[in-house]
Amino acid sequence: MESNDLKELPPSMGNFVNLEELNLSGNLFESDISASNLWYTLASIKKLKTLDLSRNILRGNKAKKNISFICIY
């Protein structure tokens, strides 16, 4: 899903319970309410081990939901 001008992920992405690697680099994710939804969706993918969010516009911590998420490289 690299370089597709994505601004958000569909909530149904959380159904990909066996997904282990996800490359979301080079998209249009921003630090706004959609970023909160992004973290919420990613946190529901329990087996995710590798996540690439480089080359997006994510800055700081503006998420409104309290979510724990760990990336293992």
N, C-alpha and C. Protein backbone atom coordinates (compact mmCIF):
# COMPACT_ATOMS: atom_id res chain seq x y z
N MET A 1 0.83 -1.19 0.00
CA MET A 1 0.00 0.00 0.00
C MET A 1 0.87 1.25 0.00
N GLU A 2 2.08 1.07 -0.45
CA GLU A 2 3.05 2.16 -0.48
C GLU A 2 2.72 3.15 -1.60
N SER A 3 2.88 4.45 -1.30
CA SER A 3 2.76 5.53 -2.29
C SER A 3 1.44 5.50 -3.06
N ASN A 4 0.34 5.48 -2.33
CA ASN A 4 -0.98 5.47 -2.95
C ASN A 4 -1.83 6.69 -2.58
N ASP A 5 -1.22 7.71 -2.00
CA ASP A 5 -1.92 8.92 -1.58
C ASP A 5 -3.07 8.61 -0.61
N LEU A 6 -2.89 7.58 0.22
CA LEU A 6 -3.91 7.23 1.21
C LEU A 6 -3.92 8.25 2.34
N LYS A 7 -5.10 8.61 2.81
CA LYS A 7 -5.24 9.51 3.95
C LYS A 7 -5.77 8.78 5.17
N GLU A 8 -6.37 7.62 4.96
CA GLU A 8 -6.86 6.81 6.07
C GLU A 8 -6.98 5.36 5.63
N LEU A 9 -7.07 4.49 6.63
CA LEU A 9 -7.28 3.08 6.36
C LEU A 9 -8.74 2.74 6.62
N PRO A 10 -9.30 1.83 5.86
CA PRO A 10 -10.66 1.42 6.16
C PRO A 10 -10.68 0.64 7.47
N PRO A 11 -11.68 0.81 8.30
CA PRO A 11 -11.76 0.07 9.56
C PRO A 11 -11.70 -1.44 9.35
N SER A 12 -12.11 -1.91 8.20
CA SER A 12 -12.08 -3.35 7.92
C SER A 12 -10.66 -3.91 7.88
N MET A 13 -9.64 -3.04 7.79
CA MET A 13 -8.25 -3.50 7.84
C MET A 13 -7.98 -4.25 9.14
N GLY A 14 -8.71 -3.90 10.17
CA GLY A 14 -8.56 -4.58 11.46
C GLY A 14 -8.94 -6.05 11.39
N ASN A 15 -9.62 -6.45 10.33
CA ASN A 15 -10.00 -7.86 10.16
C ASN A 15 -8.85 -8.70 9.60
N PHE A 16 -7.77 -8.06 9.21
CA PHE A 16 -6.61 -8.79 8.68
C PHE A 16 -5.75 -9.27 9.84
N VAL A 17 -6.30 -10.18 10.62
CA VAL A 17 -5.68 -10.57 11.89
C VAL A 17 -4.34 -11.29 11.73
N ASN A 18 -4.06 -11.85 10.57
CA ASN A 18 -2.80 -12.57 10.36
C ASN A 18 -1.75 -11.74 9.62
N LEU A 19 -2.05 -10.48 9.35
CA LEU A 19 -1.11 -9.60 8.66
C LEU A 19 0.10 -9.34 9.55
N GLU A 20 1.30 -9.58 9.04
CA GLU A 20 2.52 -9.39 9.83
C GLU A 20 3.36 -8.21 9.36
N GLU A 21 3.27 -7.83 8.10
CA GLU A 21 4.05 -6.71 7.56
C GLU A 21 3.13 -5.77 6.80
N LEU A 22 3.35 -4.48 7.00
CA LEU A 22 2.52 -3.49 6.31
C LEU A 22 3.38 -2.27 5.98
N ASN A 23 3.43 -1.93 4.71
CA ASN A 23 4.19 -0.78 4.25
C ASN A 23 3.21 0.31 3.84
N LEU A 24 3.12 1.36 4.65
CA LEU A 24 2.24 2.50 4.36
C LEU A 24 3.06 3.75 4.08
N SER A 25 4.32 3.58 3.68
CA SER A 25 5.19 4.73 3.44
C SER A 25 4.73 5.51 2.21
N GLY A 26 5.06 6.79 2.20
CA GLY A 26 4.79 7.64 1.05
C GLY A 26 3.32 7.90 0.79
N ASN A 27 2.53 7.93 1.83
CA ASN A 27 1.11 8.25 1.69
C ASN A 27 0.82 9.63 2.28
N LEU A 28 -0.41 9.92 2.57
CA LEU A 28 -0.80 11.25 3.05
C LEU A 28 -1.40 11.21 4.45
N PHE A 29 -0.96 10.26 5.29
CA PHE A 29 -1.44 10.21 6.66
C PHE A 29 -0.95 11.44 7.41
N GLU A 30 -1.84 12.09 8.16
CA GLU A 30 -1.50 13.31 8.89
C GLU A 30 -1.81 13.17 10.37
N SER A 31 -1.29 14.11 11.15
CA SER A 31 -1.56 14.14 12.59
C SER A 31 -2.84 14.90 12.85
N ASP A 32 -3.95 14.26 12.61
CA ASP A 32 -5.26 14.85 12.89
C ASP A 32 -6.17 13.72 13.36
N ILE A 33 -7.46 13.90 13.34
CA ILE A 33 -8.38 12.88 13.82
C ILE A 33 -8.26 11.60 13.01
N SER A 34 -7.92 11.69 11.73
CA SER A 34 -7.74 10.48 10.94
C SER A 34 -6.54 9.67 11.43
N ALA A 35 -5.52 10.34 12.00
CA ALA A 35 -4.39 9.62 12.57
C ALA A 35 -4.83 8.80 13.77
N SER A 36 -5.74 9.34 14.55
CA SER A 36 -6.28 8.59 15.68
C SER A 36 -6.95 7.32 15.18
N ASN A 37 -7.71 7.42 14.11
CA ASN A 37 -8.35 6.25 13.52
C ASN A 37 -7.31 5.29 12.94
N LEU A 38 -6.24 5.82 12.38
CA LEU A 38 -5.15 4.99 11.86
C LEU A 38 -4.57 4.12 12.97
N TRP A 39 -4.23 4.74 14.11
CA TRP A 39 -3.65 3.99 15.23
C TRP A 39 -4.64 2.95 15.76
N TYR A 40 -5.89 3.33 15.84
CA TYR A 40 -6.91 2.40 16.33
C TYR A 40 -7.00 1.18 15.41
N THR A 41 -7.02 1.39 14.11
CA THR A 41 -7.09 0.28 13.15
C THR A 41 -5.83 -0.58 13.22
N LEU A 42 -4.66 0.05 13.25
CA LEU A 42 -3.41 -0.71 13.30
C LEU A 42 -3.30 -1.53 14.58
N ALA A 43 -3.76 -0.97 15.68
CA ALA A 43 -3.68 -1.68 16.96
C ALA A 43 -4.55 -2.93 16.96
N SER A 44 -5.55 -2.99 16.11
CA SER A 44 -6.42 -4.16 16.08
C SER A 44 -5.83 -5.30 15.24
N ILE A 45 -4.72 -5.04 14.55
CA ILE A 45 -4.04 -6.09 13.77
C ILE A 45 -3.00 -6.71 14.70
N LYS A 46 -3.41 -7.72 15.43
CA LYS A 46 -2.62 -8.25 16.55
C LYS A 46 -1.28 -8.88 16.16
N LYS A 47 -1.14 -9.42 14.98
CA LYS A 47 0.11 -10.09 14.59
C LYS A 47 1.06 -9.18 13.82
N LEU A 48 0.72 -7.91 13.68
CA LEU A 48 1.56 -6.99 12.93
C LEU A 48 2.92 -6.84 13.62
N LYS A 49 3.99 -7.13 12.89
CA LYS A 49 5.35 -7.06 13.43
C LYS A 49 6.16 -5.93 12.81
N THR A 50 5.93 -5.65 11.55
CA THR A 50 6.71 -4.63 10.84
C THR A 50 5.77 -3.63 10.21
N LEU A 51 6.00 -2.37 10.51
CA LEU A 51 5.16 -1.29 10.00
C LEU A 51 6.06 -0.17 9.51
N ASP A 52 5.86 0.26 8.27
CA ASP A 52 6.63 1.36 7.72
C ASP A 52 5.68 2.53 7.45
N LEU A 53 5.84 3.61 8.21
CA LEU A 53 5.04 4.82 8.04
C LEU A 53 5.90 6.00 7.61
N SER A 54 7.07 5.71 7.07
CA SER A 54 7.96 6.80 6.65
C SER A 54 7.33 7.58 5.49
N ARG A 55 7.81 8.79 5.32
CA ARG A 55 7.36 9.69 4.25
C ARG A 55 5.85 9.97 4.33
N ASN A 56 5.34 10.17 5.54
CA ASN A 56 3.98 10.65 5.76
C ASN A 56 4.09 11.97 6.52
N ILE A 57 2.98 12.51 6.96
CA ILE A 57 2.99 13.82 7.62
C ILE A 57 2.57 13.67 9.08
N LEU A 58 3.04 12.60 9.73
CA LEU A 58 2.69 12.34 11.13
C LEU A 58 3.69 13.06 12.03
N ARG A 59 3.17 13.90 12.91
CA ARG A 59 4.01 14.65 13.83
C ARG A 59 3.33 14.70 15.19
N GLY A 60 4.11 14.53 16.25
CA GLY A 60 3.58 14.68 17.59
C GLY A 60 2.55 13.64 17.96
N ASN A 61 1.81 13.93 19.03
CA ASN A 61 0.81 13.00 19.55
C ASN A 61 -0.51 13.74 19.71
N LYS A 62 -1.39 13.63 18.74
CA LYS A 62 -2.68 14.29 18.81
C LYS A 62 -3.82 13.28 18.87
N ALA A 63 -3.49 12.00 19.07
CA ALA A 63 -4.52 10.97 19.10
C ALA A 63 -5.46 11.18 20.28
N LYS A 64 -6.73 11.02 20.04
CA LYS A 64 -7.73 11.20 21.08
C LYS A 64 -8.05 9.89 21.80
N LYS A 65 -7.65 8.75 21.23
CA LYS A 65 -7.90 7.47 21.84
C LYS A 65 -6.62 7.00 22.51
N ASN A 66 -6.76 6.31 23.62
CA ASN A 66 -5.61 5.81 24.35
C ASN A 66 -5.32 4.39 23.86
N ILE A 67 -4.33 4.24 23.01
CA ILE A 67 -4.06 2.96 22.35
C ILE A 67 -2.60 2.59 22.55
N SER A 68 -2.35 1.35 22.86
CA SER A 68 -1.00 0.82 22.96
C SER A 68 -0.63 0.14 21.66
N PHE A 69 0.51 0.48 21.10
CA PHE A 69 0.94 -0.14 19.84
C PHE A 69 2.44 -0.25 19.85
N ILE A 70 2.93 -1.43 19.54
CA ILE A 70 4.37 -1.67 19.52
C ILE A 70 4.76 -2.18 18.15
N CYS A 71 5.81 -1.60 17.58
CA CYS A 71 6.36 -2.08 16.31
C CYS A 71 7.66 -2.80 16.60
N ILE A 72 7.81 -3.98 16.06
CA ILE A 72 9.04 -4.75 16.22
C ILE A 72 9.69 -4.85 14.86
N TYR A 73 10.94 -4.45 14.78
CA TYR A 73 11.67 -4.53 13.51
C TYR A 73 12.68 -5.63 13.56
